Amino acid sequence: MPPGAVGRSRRQVRRSSRAHPPGPEKGRGESRRRAEERPVSALLLPAGTLSRRVALLHYGVLFPASNRRAPPRADGRFCRVVTERGVKRVSKLRKVVPDTADEDNDCTGLPDGELTERIRAGAPSASPAVQELRRRHMPALRGYAMLCGRNTLAGNQLAVQAFDLATQEACRGIGPEECWGGHLLTVLQRIGLTWARGSRRARLEPGFAAWLDDNTDVAPPFPPESPRPRLRAASPMPTAFRRLPEQTRGILWYAVVDEEPDATVATFVGVSPAMVTELRAKALDAMRRAYIKASLESSGSRKCQGFRRIIEAASQPGDGRRSDDLAVHLAECSGCARLTGELTRMAAGPRAVLADGLLRWCGAAYASGGPVRARLA
């Protein structure tokens, strides 16, 4: 080797090192960092699978579990969420907060309203709240889904998709604060409406599919460019129910429609078990008044509006007073006669009337046969 060659070789190595510095060692920490920085879309499973709709929950990206720490990002994260048409809407995630102890995530005794707040607050409290809501309301949701699906598999798919959509909407501030029971069943009807206009129509119970066709604002067949159909409000009862306070709706659904024990109702709505009986009577009275008002607003004339207070007094249980003017009006007005008949049936058996009026499809079948939870256990 000529003189000075060794020196030149060493200088070339130093220049090459400065121009191309060696990368960091790719150990376990580097692999984990790269895995955590993958886009959320990389975690989604292939299209058309049911797991794709819940991949965000299972991978802890939307709701990181208490034992999984996701790296905070200054610009937030974006992910695809569940919609009625599938997993394709992009929604910004909330900023990740530090993990808390496992005992802080115990949601067993929390009311539904606080569970909803935890879902909307994001990680790490959202995942335990979602699991607690699933434990509470999935049995009743699955029981109603069996009335809507052609078989057990279709019913389970309807129930899972309805729950996933409801929790995703709750994360975005859509949906109820407390009354999850009735809301989940109406979300299931929306999922069924999406199925009825697509390739999964055959999975629906034929009567349910026909009922959806008859109660949508877009008549079938549905062209691809048609707007998304929505269920028509055929009765003023859902309107009256939505006007009630959130706690009143929860009392009506859990204590009257589902016939839950007082202790369970108290946990769900956040009251003392000793107050449930009194709140149930007040909720029924509030529903009766709201139903009268909504019915007269939707189909009553000015003359019918004048009989509102008389109809309210005559519909109270145990009221033996009789109005001759009201009797004459009922003989002439079929709408008010139908309203008083509904009020009479509500006073005699509020559970069947409320379930049938709020759900419409198979409401009476859902509420028949004893308490819902005990029947489905």
Protein backbone atom coordinates (compact mmCIF):
# COMPACT_ATOMS: atom_id res chain seq x y z
CA MET A 1 0.00 0.00 0.00
CA PRO A 2 1.53 3.36 -0.97
CA PRO A 3 2.38 5.82 1.77
CA GLY A 4 -0.55 7.91 2.94
CA ALA A 5 -3.16 5.42 1.67
CA VAL A 6 -4.16 4.47 5.19
CA GLY A 7 -4.73 8.09 6.11
CA ARG A 8 -6.84 8.72 3.01
CA SER A 9 -8.98 5.63 3.72
CA ARG A 10 -9.66 6.80 7.26
CA ARG A 11 -10.58 10.30 6.06
CA GLN A 12 -13.00 8.83 3.50
CA VAL A 13 -14.67 6.74 6.18
CA ARG A 14 -15.11 9.82 8.40
CA ARG A 15 -16.60 11.84 5.50
CA SER A 16 -19.00 9.00 4.66
CA SER A 17 -20.08 8.77 8.29
CA ARG A 18 -20.79 12.51 8.42
CA ALA A 19 -22.75 12.40 5.15
CA HIS A 20 -24.74 9.29 6.07
CA PRO A 21 -24.94 8.98 9.86
CA PRO A 22 -25.94 5.52 11.05
CA GLY A 23 -29.61 5.20 12.00
CA PRO A 24 -30.74 4.35 15.50
CA GLU A 25 -30.75 0.77 16.52
CA LYS A 26 -34.08 -0.80 15.63
CA GLY A 27 -34.88 -2.53 18.83
CA ARG A 28 -38.14 -3.32 20.56
CA GLY A 29 -38.75 0.32 21.52
CA GLU A 30 -38.32 1.50 17.92
CA SER A 31 -40.71 -1.15 16.60
CA ARG A 32 -43.31 -0.23 19.18
CA ARG A 33 -42.95 3.46 18.37
CA ARG A 34 -43.50 2.80 14.67
CA ALA A 35 -46.49 0.61 15.41
CA GLU A 36 -48.06 3.35 17.53
CA GLU A 37 -47.49 5.95 14.81
CA ARG A 38 -49.24 3.91 12.13
CA PRO A 39 -52.36 5.60 10.76
CA VAL A 40 -55.64 4.38 12.15
CA SER A 41 -56.67 3.15 8.71
CA ALA A 42 -53.86 0.58 8.92
CA LEU A 43 -55.60 -1.00 11.90
CA LEU A 44 -58.91 -1.52 10.12
CA LEU A 45 -59.73 -4.95 8.84
CA PRO A 46 -60.85 -5.70 5.26
CA ALA A 47 -64.11 -4.17 4.09
CA GLY A 48 -67.28 -6.16 4.54
CA THR A 49 -66.34 -7.79 7.82
CA LEU A 50 -68.20 -7.12 11.03
CA SER A 51 -64.91 -6.73 12.90
CA ARG A 52 -64.07 -3.70 10.83
CA ARG A 53 -66.84 -1.77 12.51
CA VAL A 54 -65.45 -2.40 15.96
CA ALA A 55 -61.74 -2.44 15.10
CA LEU A 56 -61.18 0.96 16.67
CA LEU A 57 -62.59 -0.21 19.99
CA HIS A 58 -60.70 -3.52 19.95
CA TYR A 59 -57.35 -1.96 19.08
CA GLY A 60 -57.71 0.69 21.74
CA VAL A 61 -57.26 3.57 19.30
CA LEU A 62 -60.57 5.32 19.71
CA PHE A 63 -60.85 4.38 23.37
CA PRO A 64 -57.37 3.27 24.59
CA ALA A 65 -57.63 0.78 27.42
CA SER A 66 -56.35 1.60 30.88
CA ASN A 67 -53.23 -0.52 30.34
CA ARG A 68 -52.43 0.96 26.92
CA ARG A 69 -50.78 4.36 26.64
CA ALA A 70 -51.13 6.03 23.25
CA PRO A 71 -48.62 8.76 22.34
CA PRO A 72 -50.17 12.25 22.53
CA ARG A 73 -50.22 14.23 19.31
CA ALA A 74 -50.47 17.99 19.06
CA ASP A 75 -52.59 17.91 15.92
CA GLY A 76 -55.05 15.28 17.16
CA ARG A 77 -55.94 12.06 15.36
CA PHE A 78 -58.41 11.19 12.68
CA CYS A 79 -60.18 7.89 12.25
CA ARG A 80 -63.05 6.30 10.42
CA VAL A 81 -66.12 5.71 12.52
CA VAL A 82 -69.28 3.64 12.29
CA THR A 83 -72.17 5.18 10.38
CA GLU A 84 -75.44 3.79 9.10
CA ARG A 85 -73.74 3.16 5.75
CA GLY A 86 -70.61 1.52 7.18
CA VAL A 87 -67.20 2.54 8.47
CA LYS A 88 -66.22 5.48 6.34
CA ARG A 89 -66.88 8.80 8.06
CA VAL A 90 -63.77 10.59 9.34
CA SER A 91 -63.99 12.09 12.81
CA LYS A 92 -61.33 13.85 14.87
CA LEU A 93 -60.42 12.08 18.07
CA ARG A 94 -60.13 13.76 21.40
CA LYS A 95 -56.69 14.37 22.86
CA VAL A 96 -55.29 11.51 24.85
CA VAL A 97 -55.22 12.07 28.60
CA PRO A 98 -52.95 10.29 31.07
CA ASP A 99 -53.96 6.86 32.26
CA THR A 100 -55.72 6.50 35.59
CA ALA A 101 -55.82 3.65 38.04
CA ASP A 102 -58.04 0.70 37.29
CA GLU A 103 -60.26 1.42 40.27
CA ASP A 104 -61.10 4.83 38.82
CA ASN A 105 -62.54 3.07 35.76
CA ASP A 106 -65.02 0.93 37.71
CA CYS A 107 -68.38 1.86 36.18
CA THR A 108 -70.61 -0.75 37.80
CA GLY A 109 -72.63 1.59 40.00
CA LEU A 110 -72.61 4.68 37.78
CA PRO A 111 -75.82 5.96 36.14
CA ASP A 112 -76.15 5.93 32.38
CA GLY A 113 -75.74 9.70 32.27
CA GLU A 114 -72.27 9.57 33.81
CA LEU A 115 -71.29 6.71 31.54
CA THR A 116 -72.27 8.87 28.58
CA GLU A 117 -70.11 11.71 29.90
CA ARG A 118 -67.14 9.35 30.16
CA ILE A 119 -67.62 8.21 26.58
CA ARG A 120 -67.66 11.79 25.34
CA ALA A 121 -64.63 12.66 27.46
CA GLY A 122 -62.53 10.11 25.59
CA ALA A 123 -59.75 7.81 26.79
CA PRO A 124 -59.07 6.23 29.19
CA SER A 125 -62.51 6.24 30.83
CA ALA A 126 -64.49 5.63 27.64
CA SER A 127 -63.71 1.96 27.12
CA PRO A 128 -64.93 0.79 30.57
CA ALA A 129 -68.05 2.94 30.14
CA VAL A 130 -68.81 1.35 26.77
CA GLN A 131 -68.39 -2.12 28.23
CA GLU A 132 -70.72 -1.31 31.14
CA LEU A 133 -73.41 0.02 28.80
CA ARG A 134 -73.02 -3.12 26.72
CA ARG A 135 -73.48 -5.30 29.79
CA ARG A 136 -76.60 -3.40 30.84
CA HIS A 137 -78.46 -2.95 27.58
CA MET A 138 -77.26 -5.59 25.13
CA PRO A 139 -79.62 -8.32 26.44
CA ALA A 140 -82.73 -6.22 25.74
CA LEU A 141 -81.28 -4.97 22.46
CA ARG A 142 -80.54 -8.51 21.32
CA GLY A 143 -84.02 -9.64 22.35
CA TYR A 144 -85.63 -6.97 20.16
CA ALA A 145 -83.20 -7.76 17.33
CA MET A 146 -84.44 -11.35 17.28
CA LEU A 147 -87.89 -9.96 16.39
CA CYS A 148 -86.37 -8.04 13.46
CA GLY A 149 -83.87 -10.52 12.01
CA ARG A 150 -84.71 -13.60 9.97
CA ASN A 151 -82.54 -15.83 12.16
CA THR A 152 -80.30 -15.71 15.21
CA LEU A 153 -77.20 -14.74 13.24
CA ALA A 154 -78.95 -11.80 11.58
CA GLY A 155 -80.41 -10.69 14.91
CA ASN A 156 -76.99 -10.71 16.56
CA GLN A 157 -75.51 -8.72 13.67
CA LEU A 158 -78.29 -6.12 13.95
CA ALA A 159 -77.74 -5.78 17.69
CA VAL A 160 -73.95 -5.42 17.42
CA GLN A 161 -74.15 -2.85 14.63
CA ALA A 162 -76.82 -0.86 16.47
CA PHE A 163 -74.76 -0.72 19.66
CA ASP A 164 -71.57 0.23 17.82
CA LEU A 165 -73.33 3.01 15.92
CA ALA A 166 -74.96 4.35 19.10
CA THR A 167 -71.65 4.50 20.98
CA GLN A 168 -69.90 6.17 18.04
CA GLU A 169 -72.65 8.79 17.87
CA ALA A 170 -72.40 9.31 21.63
CA CYS A 171 -68.68 10.03 21.21
CA ARG A 172 -69.65 12.81 18.81
CA GLY A 173 -72.31 14.23 21.13
CA ILE A 174 -75.29 12.60 19.39
CA GLY A 175 -77.86 10.60 21.28
CA PRO A 176 -79.32 10.47 24.78
CA GLU A 177 -77.76 11.39 28.08
CA GLU A 178 -79.50 8.73 30.17
CA CYS A 179 -82.21 6.73 28.37
CA TRP A 180 -80.06 4.31 26.39
CA GLY A 181 -82.60 1.48 26.45
CA GLY A 182 -85.18 2.94 24.10
CA HIS A 183 -82.60 4.79 22.02
CA LEU A 184 -80.73 1.61 21.13
CA LEU A 185 -83.90 0.00 19.79
CA THR A 186 -84.63 2.95 17.52
CA VAL A 187 -81.03 2.87 16.27
CA LEU A 188 -81.56 -0.79 15.45
CA GLN A 189 -84.55 0.20 13.32
CA ARG A 190 -82.30 2.63 11.45
CA ILE A 191 -79.80 -0.16 10.81
CA GLY A 192 -82.65 -2.33 9.56
CA LEU A 193 -83.73 0.45 7.21
CA THR A 194 -80.23 0.48 5.72
CA TRP A 195 -80.36 -3.27 5.29
CA ALA A 196 -83.80 -3.10 3.68
CA ARG A 197 -82.54 -0.96 0.82
CA GLY A 198 -79.40 -3.01 0.16
CA SER A 199 -78.12 -6.51 -0.36
CA ARG A 200 -78.83 -7.58 3.23
CA ARG A 201 -82.60 -7.22 2.93
CA ALA A 202 -83.00 -11.01 2.88
CA ARG A 203 -81.54 -11.17 6.41
CA LEU A 204 -84.48 -9.19 7.82
CA GLU A 205 -87.70 -10.74 9.01
CA PRO A 206 -90.10 -10.29 6.03
CA GLY A 207 -92.73 -8.49 8.08
CA PHE A 208 -90.14 -6.08 9.44
CA ALA A 209 -88.82 -5.34 5.94
CA ALA A 210 -92.36 -4.67 4.69
CA TRP A 211 -93.05 -2.43 7.68
CA LEU A 212 -89.91 -0.42 6.92
CA ASP A 213 -91.05 0.04 3.31
CA ASP A 214 -94.45 1.31 4.45
CA ASN A 215 -93.06 3.75 7.02
CA THR A 216 -90.25 5.51 5.15
CA ASP A 217 -90.34 8.90 3.46
CA VAL A 218 -88.78 7.42 0.28
CA ALA A 219 -90.84 4.74 -1.45
CA PRO A 220 -89.06 1.61 -2.70
CA PRO A 221 -87.37 0.64 -4.93
CA PHE A 222 -84.52 2.89 -3.80
CA PRO A 223 -82.34 4.19 -6.64
CA PRO A 224 -78.63 4.56 -5.81
CA GLU A 225 -78.80 8.36 -5.97
CA SER A 226 -81.89 8.65 -3.77
CA PRO A 227 -81.59 10.42 -0.41
CA ARG A 228 -81.26 8.29 2.68
CA PRO A 229 -84.78 7.18 3.71
CA ARG A 230 -86.01 7.97 7.18
CA LEU A 231 -88.79 6.48 9.26
CA ARG A 232 -91.93 8.57 9.36
CA ALA A 233 -93.44 9.52 12.71
CA ALA A 234 -96.83 7.84 12.35
CA SER A 235 -97.86 8.57 15.94
CA PRO A 236 -97.51 11.61 18.21
CA MET A 237 -96.33 9.38 21.06
CA PRO A 238 -92.60 9.44 20.09
CA THR A 239 -92.83 13.23 19.80
CA ALA A 240 -94.36 13.47 23.26
CA PHE A 241 -91.72 11.12 24.67
CA ARG A 242 -88.84 13.19 23.27
CA ARG A 243 -90.22 16.35 24.87
CA LEU A 244 -89.95 14.89 28.36
CA PRO A 245 -86.88 15.46 30.56
CA GLU A 246 -84.14 12.88 30.20
CA GLN A 247 -84.67 11.39 33.65
CA THR A 248 -88.42 11.09 33.08
CA ARG A 249 -87.80 9.19 29.86
CA GLY A 250 -85.42 6.85 31.67
CA ILE A 251 -87.96 6.15 34.40
CA LEU A 252 -90.68 5.43 31.84
CA TRP A 253 -88.54 3.08 29.81
CA TYR A 254 -86.78 1.13 32.53
CA ALA A 255 -89.53 1.05 35.17
CA VAL A 256 -92.59 0.78 32.89
CA VAL A 257 -91.59 -0.72 29.52
CA ASP A 258 -88.75 -3.00 30.67
CA GLU A 259 -90.17 -3.53 34.19
CA GLU A 260 -86.73 -3.48 35.75
CA PRO A 261 -86.45 -3.83 39.54
CA ASP A 262 -86.41 -0.57 41.48
CA ALA A 263 -82.73 -1.01 42.39
CA THR A 264 -81.77 -1.43 38.73
CA VAL A 265 -83.85 1.56 37.65
CA ALA A 266 -82.27 3.65 40.39
CA THR A 267 -78.77 2.73 39.19
CA PHE A 268 -79.54 3.45 35.55
CA VAL A 269 -81.06 6.91 36.16
CA GLY A 270 -79.06 7.91 39.24
CA VAL A 271 -81.71 8.14 41.96
CA SER A 272 -82.45 6.39 45.24
CA PRO A 273 -84.39 3.10 44.98
CA ALA A 274 -86.96 4.48 47.41
CA MET A 275 -87.84 7.25 44.94
CA VAL A 276 -88.57 5.01 41.96
CA THR A 277 -92.24 4.33 42.77
CA GLU A 278 -93.04 8.02 43.19
CA LEU A 279 -91.05 9.00 40.10
CA ARG A 280 -92.83 6.32 38.08
CA ALA A 281 -96.25 7.80 38.88
CA LYS A 282 -95.03 11.31 38.07
CA ALA A 283 -93.47 10.14 34.82
CA LEU A 284 -96.71 8.49 33.69
CA ASP A 285 -98.64 11.67 34.45
CA ALA A 286 -96.10 13.78 32.54
CA MET A 287 -96.27 11.38 29.58
CA ARG A 288 -100.06 11.51 29.56
CA ARG A 289 -100.09 15.30 29.44
CA ALA A 290 -97.36 15.46 26.80
CA TYR A 291 -99.20 12.90 24.66
CA ILE A 292 -102.43 14.90 24.81
CA LYS A 293 -100.62 18.08 23.80
CA ALA A 294 -98.72 16.43 20.94
CA SER A 295 -101.85 14.70 19.63
CA LEU A 296 -103.93 17.88 19.58
CA GLU A 297 -101.09 19.81 17.94
CA SER A 298 -100.66 17.26 15.16
CA SER A 299 -104.26 16.60 14.19
CA GLY A 300 -106.60 18.66 16.33
CA SER A 301 -108.45 21.78 15.27
CA ARG A 302 -108.87 24.93 17.33
CA LYS A 303 -112.07 23.48 18.70
CA CYS A 304 -110.20 20.36 19.80
CA GLN A 305 -107.58 22.53 21.51
CA GLY A 306 -110.36 24.00 23.64
CA PHE A 307 -111.12 20.56 25.08
CA ARG A 308 -107.53 19.90 26.10
CA ARG A 309 -107.95 20.50 29.84
CA ILE A 310 -111.24 18.61 29.91
CA ILE A 311 -109.60 15.63 28.19
CA GLU A 312 -106.70 15.78 30.67
CA ALA A 313 -109.09 15.74 33.62
CA ALA A 314 -111.23 12.97 32.16
CA SER A 315 -108.17 10.80 31.46
CA GLN A 316 -106.86 10.84 35.03
CA PRO A 317 -107.20 7.43 36.73
CA GLY A 318 -110.06 7.34 39.21
CA ASP A 319 -111.67 10.55 37.97
CA GLY A 320 -115.42 9.92 37.83
CA ARG A 321 -116.42 13.32 36.49
CA ARG A 322 -118.24 13.45 33.18
CA SER A 323 -118.57 16.37 30.77
CA ASP A 324 -121.59 16.50 28.48
CA ASP A 325 -119.80 18.92 26.16
CA LEU A 326 -116.90 16.49 25.83
CA ALA A 327 -119.28 13.62 25.12
CA VAL A 328 -120.87 15.60 22.29
CA HIS A 329 -117.45 16.54 20.89
CA LEU A 330 -116.19 12.94 20.99
CA ALA A 331 -119.24 11.84 19.03
CA GLU A 332 -118.31 14.31 16.29
CA CYS A 333 -114.46 14.14 16.34
CA SER A 334 -112.83 10.80 15.57
CA GLY A 335 -109.36 12.12 16.45
CA CYS A 336 -110.28 13.10 20.00
CA ALA A 337 -112.26 9.88 20.41
CA ARG A 338 -109.17 7.89 19.40
CA LEU A 339 -107.04 9.95 21.79
CA THR A 340 -109.32 9.31 24.77
CA GLY A 341 -109.33 5.61 23.93
CA GLU A 342 -105.51 5.54 23.96
CA LEU A 343 -105.46 7.39 27.27
CA THR A 344 -107.90 4.89 28.77
CA ARG A 345 -105.72 1.98 27.65
CA MET A 346 -102.61 3.75 28.95
CA ALA A 347 -104.19 4.10 32.38
CA ALA A 348 -105.13 0.40 32.43
CA GLY A 349 -101.88 -1.01 31.01
CA PRO A 350 -99.19 1.61 30.37
CA ARG A 351 -96.46 -0.88 29.49
CA ALA A 352 -98.03 -2.32 26.34
CA VAL A 353 -99.33 1.06 25.14
CA LEU A 354 -95.96 2.80 25.56
CA ALA A 355 -93.96 -0.02 23.97
CA ASP A 356 -96.33 -0.25 21.01
CA GLY A 357 -96.49 3.52 20.53
CA LEU A 358 -92.75 4.16 20.87
CA LEU A 359 -91.40 1.16 18.96
CA ARG A 360 -94.36 0.54 16.63
CA TRP A 361 -92.83 -2.59 15.12
CA CYS A 362 -93.37 -5.51 17.55
CA GLY A 363 -93.59 -3.17 20.52
CA ALA A 364 -96.29 -5.22 22.20
CA ALA A 365 -94.33 -8.44 21.58
CA TYR A 366 -91.21 -6.87 23.08
CA ALA A 367 -93.07 -5.86 26.26
CA SER A 368 -95.09 -9.05 26.71
CA GLY A 369 -94.24 -11.93 28.99
CA GLY A 370 -92.87 -10.31 32.13
CA PRO A 371 -89.76 -8.21 32.76
CA VAL A 372 -87.50 -8.01 29.72
CA ARG A 373 -84.24 -8.82 31.51
CA ALA A 374 -85.69 -11.81 33.37
CA ARG A 375 -87.26 -13.16 30.18
CA LEU A 376 -84.01 -12.90 28.21
CA ALA A 377 -81.72 -14.23 30.94
